Amino acid sequence: MAGPALAIGMILIGAFFLFLLSMLYLIVRYRKRLMISIPLSVLFLGLLIWAIASFMNRNSVPEHVAQRFLGDYRLINLDRQPCNNCLVHLNSNYQYDIINNGITVGHGKWRIESAIDLPDYFLWIENGPGGVIWEHERKIDHININFLINTHSTPPPASPVLLLLPTWSCQ
């Protein structure tokens, strides 16, 4: 049920920016009345700096939260095949290694995310499942390391409409 919460968030952000625009309008309109324009300018700059700082920090995850996710996770399927001895090792540089029988067979990127409708942080894995990976389960359903190779190996078929168009020559 994230829809209403996201909608309210977007409405509040829009109202904040309308408030900033109205302040800017009043600053320009009353620029010759310094008793009005100077305090409004200070308030406008303060709110603008606060908005920029909030925007820059909106997706930052504390380092101690990322440390909780480090370690080994059991991998169930690798490239759509069951894998009984596969592990995913999360490194501290936000890279992961896929280990099958002690041999590294793949790697990728990971990050910590949060959502407005979920109570805690969760793990996102490159080429991994689209769902939530919780830290306490230590299990990843699948990773497709050959995903890009398999999907782009054959060219798309020619369009039948283009085959019916006449060819013109300028001779």
N, C-alpha and C. Protein backbone atom coordinates (compact mmCIF):
# COMPACT_ATOMS: atom_id res chain seq x y z
N MET A 1 0.82 -1.20 0.00
CA MET A 1 0.00 0.00 0.00
C MET A 1 0.86 1.26 0.00
N ALA A 2 1.83 1.29 -0.88
CA ALA A 2 2.72 2.44 -0.93
C ALA A 2 2.14 3.58 -1.74
N GLY A 3 1.10 3.32 -2.53
CA GLY A 3 0.54 4.34 -3.40
C GLY A 3 0.09 5.60 -2.69
N PRO A 4 -0.79 5.50 -1.67
CA PRO A 4 -1.23 6.72 -0.99
C PRO A 4 -0.09 7.45 -0.29
N ALA A 5 0.84 6.72 0.31
CA ALA A 5 1.96 7.37 0.98
C ALA A 5 2.85 8.09 -0.02
N LEU A 6 3.09 7.48 -1.18
CA LEU A 6 3.90 8.14 -2.21
C LEU A 6 3.18 9.37 -2.75
N ALA A 7 1.87 9.27 -2.93
CA ALA A 7 1.10 10.41 -3.43
C ALA A 7 1.15 11.58 -2.45
N ILE A 8 0.99 11.30 -1.17
CA ILE A 8 1.05 12.37 -0.17
C ILE A 8 2.45 12.98 -0.16
N GLY A 9 3.49 12.14 -0.27
CA GLY A 9 4.85 12.67 -0.33
C GLY A 9 5.06 13.59 -1.51
N MET A 10 4.55 13.20 -2.68
CA MET A 10 4.70 14.03 -3.87
C MET A 10 3.92 15.34 -3.74
N ILE A 11 2.74 15.29 -3.13
CA ILE A 11 1.95 16.50 -2.92
C ILE A 11 2.68 17.46 -1.99
N LEU A 12 3.27 16.93 -0.92
CA LEU A 12 4.01 17.78 0.01
C LEU A 12 5.24 18.39 -0.64
N ILE A 13 5.94 17.62 -1.46
CA ILE A 13 7.11 18.17 -2.17
C ILE A 13 6.68 19.27 -3.14
N GLY A 14 5.59 19.02 -3.86
CA GLY A 14 5.08 20.04 -4.78
C GLY A 14 4.66 21.31 -4.05
N ALA A 15 4.00 21.16 -2.89
CA ALA A 15 3.59 22.33 -2.11
C ALA A 15 4.81 23.09 -1.59
N PHE A 16 5.85 22.38 -1.20
CA PHE A 16 7.07 23.03 -0.73
C PHE A 16 7.69 23.88 -1.84
N PHE A 17 7.76 23.33 -3.05
CA PHE A 17 8.35 24.09 -4.15
C PHE A 17 7.47 25.25 -4.58
N LEU A 18 6.15 25.10 -4.48
CA LEU A 18 5.27 26.24 -4.75
C LEU A 18 5.48 27.34 -3.71
N PHE A 19 5.69 26.95 -2.45
CA PHE A 19 5.98 27.92 -1.40
C PHE A 19 7.29 28.65 -1.70
N LEU A 20 8.32 27.91 -2.14
CA LEU A 20 9.59 28.55 -2.48
C LEU A 20 9.43 29.51 -3.66
N LEU A 21 8.66 29.11 -4.66
CA LEU A 21 8.44 30.00 -5.81
C LEU A 21 7.67 31.25 -5.40
N SER A 22 6.70 31.12 -4.52
CA SER A 22 5.95 32.30 -4.06
C SER A 22 6.86 33.22 -3.25
N MET A 23 7.76 32.64 -2.45
CA MET A 23 8.72 33.47 -1.72
C MET A 23 9.63 34.22 -2.68
N LEU A 24 10.09 33.55 -3.72
CA LEU A 24 10.94 34.20 -4.71
C LEU A 24 10.20 35.33 -5.41
N TYR A 25 8.93 35.11 -5.70
CA TYR A 25 8.12 36.16 -6.32
C TYR A 25 8.00 37.37 -5.39
N LEU A 26 7.75 37.12 -4.10
CA LEU A 26 7.64 38.23 -3.15
C LEU A 26 8.97 38.96 -2.98
N ILE A 27 10.08 38.23 -3.00
CA ILE A 27 11.39 38.87 -2.89
C ILE A 27 11.63 39.81 -4.06
N VAL A 28 11.29 39.36 -5.28
CA VAL A 28 11.50 40.19 -6.46
C VAL A 28 10.52 41.36 -6.46
N ARG A 29 9.28 41.12 -6.06
CA ARG A 29 8.27 42.18 -6.08
C ARG A 29 8.57 43.28 -5.08
N TYR A 30 9.02 42.88 -3.86
CA TYR A 30 9.30 43.86 -2.82
C TYR A 30 10.80 44.10 -2.65
N ARG A 31 11.54 44.08 -3.73
CA ARG A 31 12.99 44.21 -3.62
C ARG A 31 13.42 45.60 -3.15
N LYS A 32 12.60 46.60 -3.31
CA LYS A 32 12.98 47.95 -2.86
C LYS A 32 12.62 48.18 -1.40
N ARG A 33 11.80 47.32 -0.82
CA ARG A 33 11.48 47.41 0.61
C ARG A 33 12.37 46.42 1.35
N LEU A 34 13.47 46.89 1.83
CA LEU A 34 14.48 46.02 2.42
C LEU A 34 14.01 45.33 3.69
N MET A 35 13.10 45.92 4.43
CA MET A 35 12.60 45.29 5.65
C MET A 35 11.80 44.02 5.34
N ILE A 36 11.31 43.91 4.12
CA ILE A 36 10.57 42.71 3.71
C ILE A 36 11.47 41.76 2.92
N SER A 37 12.23 42.30 2.00
CA SER A 37 12.98 41.45 1.07
C SER A 37 14.18 40.75 1.72
N ILE A 38 14.86 41.39 2.66
CA ILE A 38 16.04 40.77 3.27
C ILE A 38 15.66 39.56 4.14
N PRO A 39 14.69 39.67 5.06
CA PRO A 39 14.33 38.46 5.81
C PRO A 39 13.77 37.35 4.92
N LEU A 40 13.00 37.72 3.90
CA LEU A 40 12.49 36.71 2.97
C LEU A 40 13.63 36.05 2.21
N SER A 41 14.64 36.82 1.84
CA SER A 41 15.79 36.25 1.12
C SER A 41 16.57 35.29 2.00
N VAL A 42 16.76 35.64 3.27
CA VAL A 42 17.47 34.76 4.19
C VAL A 42 16.68 33.47 4.40
N LEU A 43 15.36 33.58 4.59
CA LEU A 43 14.52 32.40 4.76
C LEU A 43 14.51 31.54 3.48
N PHE A 44 14.46 32.19 2.33
CA PHE A 44 14.47 31.47 1.06
C PHE A 44 15.77 30.69 0.88
N LEU A 45 16.90 31.35 1.14
CA LEU A 45 18.19 30.67 1.00
C LEU A 45 18.34 29.53 2.01
N GLY A 46 17.87 29.74 3.22
CA GLY A 46 17.93 28.67 4.22
C GLY A 46 17.10 27.46 3.81
N LEU A 47 15.88 27.69 3.36
CA LEU A 47 15.03 26.58 2.92
C LEU A 47 15.59 25.90 1.67
N LEU A 48 16.18 26.68 0.78
CA LEU A 48 16.77 26.09 -0.43
C LEU A 48 17.97 25.22 -0.08
N ILE A 49 18.83 25.69 0.83
CA ILE A 49 19.98 24.88 1.25
C ILE A 49 19.50 23.61 1.95
N TRP A 50 18.48 23.72 2.80
CA TRP A 50 17.93 22.54 3.48
C TRP A 50 17.35 21.55 2.46
N ALA A 51 16.65 22.05 1.42
CA ALA A 51 16.07 21.17 0.41
C ALA A 51 17.17 20.45 -0.38
N ILE A 52 18.23 21.15 -0.74
CA ILE A 52 19.32 20.53 -1.48
C ILE A 52 20.03 19.48 -0.63
N ALA A 53 20.27 19.80 0.65
CA ALA A 53 20.91 18.83 1.54
C ALA A 53 20.03 17.60 1.75
N SER A 54 18.73 17.79 1.88
CA SER A 54 17.81 16.65 2.02
C SER A 54 17.80 15.80 0.76
N PHE A 55 17.84 16.43 -0.39
CA PHE A 55 17.85 15.69 -1.65
C PHE A 55 19.14 14.88 -1.80
N MET A 56 20.26 15.45 -1.38
CA MET A 56 21.53 14.74 -1.51
C MET A 56 21.62 13.55 -0.56
N ASN A 57 20.96 13.62 0.59
CA ASN A 57 21.04 12.56 1.59
C ASN A 57 19.84 11.61 1.58
N ARG A 58 18.96 11.70 0.59
CA ARG A 58 17.72 10.93 0.61
C ARG A 58 17.95 9.43 0.51
N ASN A 59 18.98 8.98 -0.18
CA ASN A 59 19.20 7.54 -0.36
C ASN A 59 20.45 7.05 0.34
N SER A 60 20.99 7.86 1.21
CA SER A 60 22.20 7.41 1.88
C SER A 60 21.84 6.45 3.01
N VAL A 61 22.52 5.34 3.03
CA VAL A 61 22.31 4.31 4.04
C VAL A 61 23.47 4.39 5.02
N PRO A 62 23.19 4.39 6.31
CA PRO A 62 24.31 4.41 7.27
C PRO A 62 25.23 3.20 7.08
N GLU A 63 26.51 3.42 7.31
CA GLU A 63 27.51 2.36 7.09
C GLU A 63 27.26 1.16 7.99
N HIS A 64 26.79 1.38 9.22
CA HIS A 64 26.55 0.25 10.12
C HIS A 64 25.41 -0.63 9.61
N VAL A 65 24.47 -0.07 8.84
CA VAL A 65 23.40 -0.88 8.26
C VAL A 65 23.97 -1.76 7.15
N ALA A 66 24.85 -1.20 6.31
CA ALA A 66 25.47 -1.98 5.24
C ALA A 66 26.35 -3.09 5.81
N GLN A 67 26.98 -2.85 6.95
CA GLN A 67 27.83 -3.87 7.56
C GLN A 67 27.03 -5.10 8.00
N ARG A 68 25.76 -4.90 8.35
CA ARG A 68 24.93 -6.04 8.76
C ARG A 68 24.72 -7.03 7.62
N PHE A 69 24.76 -6.55 6.38
CA PHE A 69 24.47 -7.39 5.22
C PHE A 69 25.70 -8.12 4.69
N LEU A 70 26.89 -7.76 5.13
CA LEU A 70 28.10 -8.40 4.61
C LEU A 70 28.13 -9.87 4.99
N GLY A 71 28.79 -10.67 4.15
CA GLY A 71 28.95 -12.09 4.45
C GLY A 71 28.45 -12.97 3.32
N ASP A 72 28.16 -14.22 3.64
CA ASP A 72 27.76 -15.22 2.65
C ASP A 72 26.27 -15.44 2.67
N TYR A 73 25.71 -15.60 1.47
CA TYR A 73 24.30 -15.92 1.27
C TYR A 73 24.22 -17.19 0.44
N ARG A 74 23.27 -18.04 0.73
CA ARG A 74 23.07 -19.26 -0.06
C ARG A 74 22.33 -18.89 -1.33
N LEU A 75 22.83 -19.37 -2.48
CA LEU A 75 22.22 -19.11 -3.77
C LEU A 75 21.49 -20.37 -4.22
N ILE A 76 20.21 -20.26 -4.51
CA ILE A 76 19.39 -21.41 -4.89
C ILE A 76 19.57 -21.77 -6.37
N ASN A 77 19.43 -20.79 -7.27
CA ASN A 77 19.53 -21.03 -8.72
C ASN A 77 20.55 -20.08 -9.33
N LEU A 78 21.40 -20.61 -10.19
CA LEU A 78 22.37 -19.82 -10.94
C LEU A 78 22.10 -20.03 -12.41
N ASP A 79 21.82 -18.96 -13.13
CA ASP A 79 21.48 -19.03 -14.56
C ASP A 79 20.35 -20.02 -14.82
N ARG A 80 19.32 -19.93 -14.02
CA ARG A 80 18.10 -20.75 -14.14
C ARG A 80 18.34 -22.24 -13.95
N GLN A 81 19.43 -22.61 -13.33
CA GLN A 81 19.75 -24.00 -13.03
C GLN A 81 19.92 -24.14 -11.52
N PRO A 82 19.41 -25.21 -10.92
CA PRO A 82 19.62 -25.40 -9.48
C PRO A 82 21.11 -25.50 -9.16
N CYS A 83 21.51 -24.89 -8.09
CA CYS A 83 22.92 -24.87 -7.70
C CYS A 83 22.99 -25.18 -6.20
N ASN A 84 23.43 -26.39 -5.87
CA ASN A 84 23.43 -26.83 -4.48
C ASN A 84 24.59 -26.27 -3.67
N ASN A 85 25.73 -25.99 -4.31
CA ASN A 85 26.92 -25.56 -3.58
C ASN A 85 27.28 -24.11 -3.88
N CYS A 86 26.31 -23.30 -4.23
CA CYS A 86 26.61 -21.92 -4.61
C CYS A 86 26.43 -20.98 -3.42
N LEU A 87 27.36 -20.06 -3.30
CA LEU A 87 27.31 -19.00 -2.29
C LEU A 87 27.51 -17.66 -2.98
N VAL A 88 26.91 -16.64 -2.41
CA VAL A 88 27.14 -15.27 -2.83
C VAL A 88 27.82 -14.57 -1.67
N HIS A 89 29.03 -14.09 -1.91
CA HIS A 89 29.79 -13.41 -0.86
C HIS A 89 29.74 -11.91 -1.12
N LEU A 90 29.15 -11.15 -0.18
CA LEU A 90 29.07 -9.70 -0.29
C LEU A 90 30.33 -9.08 0.30
N ASN A 91 31.03 -8.30 -0.51
CA ASN A 91 32.25 -7.63 -0.08
C ASN A 91 31.93 -6.22 0.42
N SER A 92 32.83 -5.63 1.17
CA SER A 92 32.58 -4.31 1.74
C SER A 92 32.66 -3.19 0.71
N ASN A 93 33.15 -3.46 -0.50
CA ASN A 93 33.22 -2.44 -1.54
C ASN A 93 31.98 -2.45 -2.44
N TYR A 94 30.87 -3.02 -1.94
CA TYR A 94 29.59 -3.10 -2.65
C TYR A 94 29.70 -3.91 -3.95
N GLN A 95 30.54 -4.91 -3.94
CA GLN A 95 30.66 -5.90 -5.01
C GLN A 95 30.35 -7.26 -4.40
N TYR A 96 29.84 -8.17 -5.22
CA TYR A 96 29.62 -9.54 -4.72
C TYR A 96 30.32 -10.53 -5.64
N ASP A 97 30.67 -11.68 -5.08
CA ASP A 97 31.27 -12.78 -5.82
C ASP A 97 30.35 -13.99 -5.70
N ILE A 98 30.15 -14.68 -6.82
CA ILE A 98 29.40 -15.93 -6.81
C ILE A 98 30.41 -17.06 -6.78
N ILE A 99 30.31 -17.90 -5.76
CA ILE A 99 31.28 -18.98 -5.55
C ILE A 99 30.55 -20.31 -5.68
N ASN A 100 31.03 -21.17 -6.61
CA ASN A 100 30.46 -22.50 -6.82
C ASN A 100 31.58 -23.51 -6.61
N ASN A 101 31.45 -24.33 -5.58
CA ASN A 101 32.45 -25.35 -5.23
C ASN A 101 33.84 -24.73 -5.03
N GLY A 102 33.90 -23.56 -4.41
CA GLY A 102 35.17 -22.93 -4.11
C GLY A 102 35.75 -22.11 -5.25
N ILE A 103 35.09 -22.05 -6.41
CA ILE A 103 35.58 -21.32 -7.57
C ILE A 103 34.66 -20.13 -7.82
N THR A 104 35.25 -18.95 -8.02
CA THR A 104 34.45 -17.77 -8.32
C THR A 104 33.98 -17.84 -9.77
N VAL A 105 32.66 -17.86 -9.97
CA VAL A 105 32.10 -18.00 -11.31
C VAL A 105 31.42 -16.72 -11.80
N GLY A 106 31.29 -15.72 -10.96
CA GLY A 106 30.66 -14.48 -11.38
C GLY A 106 30.79 -13.42 -10.31
N HIS A 107 30.44 -12.21 -10.68
CA HIS A 107 30.49 -11.09 -9.75
C HIS A 107 29.50 -10.03 -10.21
N GLY A 108 29.27 -9.08 -9.36
CA GLY A 108 28.36 -7.99 -9.68
C GLY A 108 28.33 -6.97 -8.55
N LYS A 109 27.32 -6.10 -8.60
CA LYS A 109 27.19 -5.03 -7.62
C LYS A 109 25.98 -5.30 -6.73
N TRP A 110 26.04 -4.77 -5.51
CA TRP A 110 24.92 -4.84 -4.60
C TRP A 110 24.77 -3.50 -3.90
N ARG A 111 23.58 -3.27 -3.34
CA ARG A 111 23.35 -2.06 -2.56
C ARG A 111 22.20 -2.32 -1.58
N ILE A 112 22.08 -1.44 -0.63
CA ILE A 112 21.03 -1.51 0.38
C ILE A 112 19.95 -0.51 -0.03
N GLU A 113 18.70 -0.93 0.03
CA GLU A 113 17.58 -0.07 -0.32
C GLU A 113 16.55 -0.08 0.79
N SER A 114 15.66 0.87 0.72
CA SER A 114 14.51 0.89 1.63
C SER A 114 13.31 1.37 0.82
N ALA A 115 12.14 1.04 1.30
CA ALA A 115 10.91 1.46 0.64
C ALA A 115 9.97 2.03 1.69
N ILE A 116 9.07 2.85 1.24
CA ILE A 116 8.18 3.53 2.16
C ILE A 116 7.21 2.56 2.83
N ASP A 117 6.91 1.45 2.16
CA ASP A 117 5.93 0.52 2.71
C ASP A 117 6.57 -0.71 3.36
N LEU A 118 7.90 -0.75 3.48
CA LEU A 118 8.59 -1.86 4.13
C LEU A 118 9.27 -1.36 5.40
N PRO A 119 9.28 -2.17 6.44
CA PRO A 119 9.75 -1.68 7.74
C PRO A 119 11.25 -1.54 7.90
N ASP A 120 12.06 -2.17 7.06
CA ASP A 120 13.50 -2.19 7.29
C ASP A 120 14.23 -2.11 5.95
N TYR A 121 15.54 -2.05 6.01
CA TYR A 121 16.37 -2.06 4.81
C TYR A 121 16.41 -3.46 4.22
N PHE A 122 16.62 -3.54 2.90
CA PHE A 122 16.75 -4.83 2.24
C PHE A 122 17.84 -4.76 1.19
N LEU A 123 18.22 -5.92 0.68
CA LEU A 123 19.35 -6.06 -0.24
C LEU A 123 18.87 -6.08 -1.68
N TRP A 124 19.56 -5.34 -2.54
CA TRP A 124 19.33 -5.39 -3.98
C TRP A 124 20.59 -5.96 -4.62
N ILE A 125 20.41 -6.96 -5.49
CA ILE A 125 21.52 -7.64 -6.16
C ILE A 125 21.40 -7.41 -7.66
N GLU A 126 22.51 -7.03 -8.30
CA GLU A 126 22.54 -6.87 -9.75
C GLU A 126 22.29 -8.23 -10.41
N ASN A 127 21.38 -8.27 -11.38
CA ASN A 127 20.97 -9.49 -12.09
C ASN A 127 20.33 -10.51 -11.16
N GLY A 128 19.85 -10.06 -10.03
CA GLY A 128 19.23 -10.95 -9.05
C GLY A 128 17.72 -10.87 -9.10
N PRO A 129 17.07 -11.39 -8.08
CA PRO A 129 15.61 -11.38 -8.06
C PRO A 129 15.05 -9.97 -7.92
N GLY A 130 13.86 -9.79 -8.42
CA GLY A 130 13.22 -8.48 -8.32
C GLY A 130 12.59 -8.24 -6.97
N GLY A 131 12.47 -9.26 -6.15
CA GLY A 131 11.84 -9.13 -4.85
C GLY A 131 12.82 -8.67 -3.78
N VAL A 132 12.33 -8.69 -2.56
CA VAL A 132 13.10 -8.23 -1.41
C VAL A 132 13.97 -9.36 -0.89
N ILE A 133 15.24 -9.07 -0.58
CA ILE A 133 16.16 -10.02 0.05
C ILE A 133 16.44 -9.49 1.45
N TRP A 134 15.95 -10.20 2.45
CA TRP A 134 16.13 -9.77 3.84
C TRP A 134 17.47 -10.24 4.37
N GLU A 135 18.03 -9.46 5.25
CA GLU A 135 19.34 -9.75 5.83
C GLU A 135 19.31 -10.99 6.71
N HIS A 136 18.23 -11.23 7.44
CA HIS A 136 18.19 -12.34 8.38
C HIS A 136 17.97 -13.69 7.71
N GLU A 137 17.48 -13.72 6.45
CA GLU A 137 17.26 -15.01 5.77
C GLU A 137 18.53 -15.58 5.18
N ARG A 138 19.43 -14.73 4.71
CA ARG A 138 20.70 -15.16 4.12
C ARG A 138 20.49 -16.15 2.97
N LYS A 139 19.49 -15.87 2.12
CA LYS A 139 19.17 -16.75 1.00
C LYS A 139 18.78 -15.88 -0.18
N ILE A 140 19.34 -16.20 -1.37
CA ILE A 140 19.02 -15.50 -2.61
C ILE A 140 18.42 -16.52 -3.57
N ASP A 141 17.27 -16.21 -4.12
CA ASP A 141 16.54 -17.15 -4.96
C ASP A 141 17.28 -17.44 -6.26
N HIS A 142 17.70 -16.42 -6.98
CA HIS A 142 18.40 -16.66 -8.25
C HIS A 142 19.24 -15.45 -8.64
N ILE A 143 20.27 -15.74 -9.44
CA ILE A 143 21.07 -14.72 -10.10
C ILE A 143 21.33 -15.23 -11.51
N ASN A 144 21.15 -14.36 -12.48
CA ASN A 144 21.39 -14.72 -13.88
C ASN A 144 22.61 -13.94 -14.38
N ILE A 145 23.78 -14.54 -14.33
CA ILE A 145 24.99 -13.83 -14.76
C ILE A 145 25.13 -13.79 -16.27
N ASN A 146 24.46 -14.68 -16.99
CA ASN A 146 24.50 -14.68 -18.45
C ASN A 146 23.25 -14.05 -19.05
N PHE A 147 22.55 -13.22 -18.29
CA PHE A 147 21.29 -12.64 -18.73
C PHE A 147 21.46 -11.79 -19.97
N LEU A 148 22.43 -10.88 -19.96
CA LEU A 148 22.60 -9.98 -21.10
C LEU A 148 23.10 -10.71 -22.34
N ILE A 149 23.92 -11.72 -22.17
CA ILE A 149 24.43 -12.47 -23.32
C ILE A 149 23.29 -13.24 -23.98
N ASN A 150 22.43 -13.87 -23.19
CA ASN A 150 21.35 -14.68 -23.74
C ASN A 150 20.26 -13.85 -24.39
N THR A 151 19.98 -12.65 -23.90
CA THR A 151 18.87 -11.89 -24.45
C THR A 151 19.24 -11.12 -25.71
N HIS A 152 20.51 -10.84 -25.93
CA HIS A 152 20.89 -10.04 -27.09
C HIS A 152 21.73 -10.84 -28.10
N SER A 153 21.66 -12.16 -28.06
CA SER A 153 22.51 -12.94 -28.95
C SER A 153 21.94 -13.05 -30.36
N THR A 154 20.63 -12.97 -30.53
CA THR A 154 20.04 -13.06 -31.86
C THR A 154 19.44 -11.72 -32.25
N PRO A 155 19.60 -11.32 -33.52
CA PRO A 155 19.02 -10.05 -33.94
C PRO A 155 17.50 -10.16 -34.03
N PRO A 156 16.79 -9.05 -33.87
CA PRO A 156 15.34 -9.10 -33.98
C PRO A 156 14.92 -9.40 -35.41
N PRO A 157 13.77 -10.02 -35.61
CA PRO A 157 13.32 -10.34 -36.97
C PRO A 157 12.98 -9.07 -37.73
N ALA A 158 13.09 -9.15 -39.06
CA ALA A 158 12.78 -8.00 -39.90
C ALA A 158 11.28 -7.74 -39.88
N SER A 159 10.91 -6.48 -39.98
CA SER A 159 9.51 -6.10 -39.98
C SER A 159 8.88 -6.45 -41.32
N PRO A 160 7.71 -7.10 -41.34
CA PRO A 160 7.08 -7.43 -42.62
C PRO A 160 6.64 -6.20 -43.39
N VAL A 161 6.38 -5.09 -42.71
CA VAL A 161 5.96 -3.87 -43.39
C VAL A 161 7.10 -3.33 -44.24
N LEU A 162 8.31 -3.38 -43.74
CA LEU A 162 9.45 -2.87 -44.49
C LEU A 162 9.75 -3.74 -45.71
N LEU A 163 9.42 -5.01 -45.66
CA LEU A 163 9.68 -5.89 -46.79
C LEU A 163 8.73 -5.61 -47.96
N LEU A 164 7.57 -5.03 -47.69
CA LEU A 164 6.59 -4.77 -48.74
C LEU A 164 6.76 -3.41 -49.41
N LEU A 165 7.60 -2.54 -48.86
CA LEU A 165 7.79 -1.23 -49.43
C LEU A 165 8.58 -1.34 -50.73
N PRO A 166 8.20 -0.57 -51.76
CA PRO A 166 8.97 -0.61 -53.01
C PRO A 166 10.31 0.11 -52.85
N THR A 167 11.25 -0.31 -53.64
CA THR A 167 12.55 0.35 -53.63
C THR A 167 12.61 1.30 -54.81
N TRP A 168 13.13 2.47 -54.58
CA TRP A 168 13.22 3.49 -55.62
C TRP A 168 14.67 3.64 -56.03
N SER A 169 14.87 3.82 -57.30
CA SER A 169 16.23 4.08 -57.75
C SER A 169 16.23 5.40 -58.52
N CYS A 170 17.29 6.09 -58.42
CA CYS A 170 17.41 7.40 -59.07
C CYS A 170 18.43 7.28 -60.20
N GLN A 171 18.07 6.61 -61.28
CA GLN A 171 19.00 6.48 -62.40
C GLN A 171 18.44 7.14 -63.62
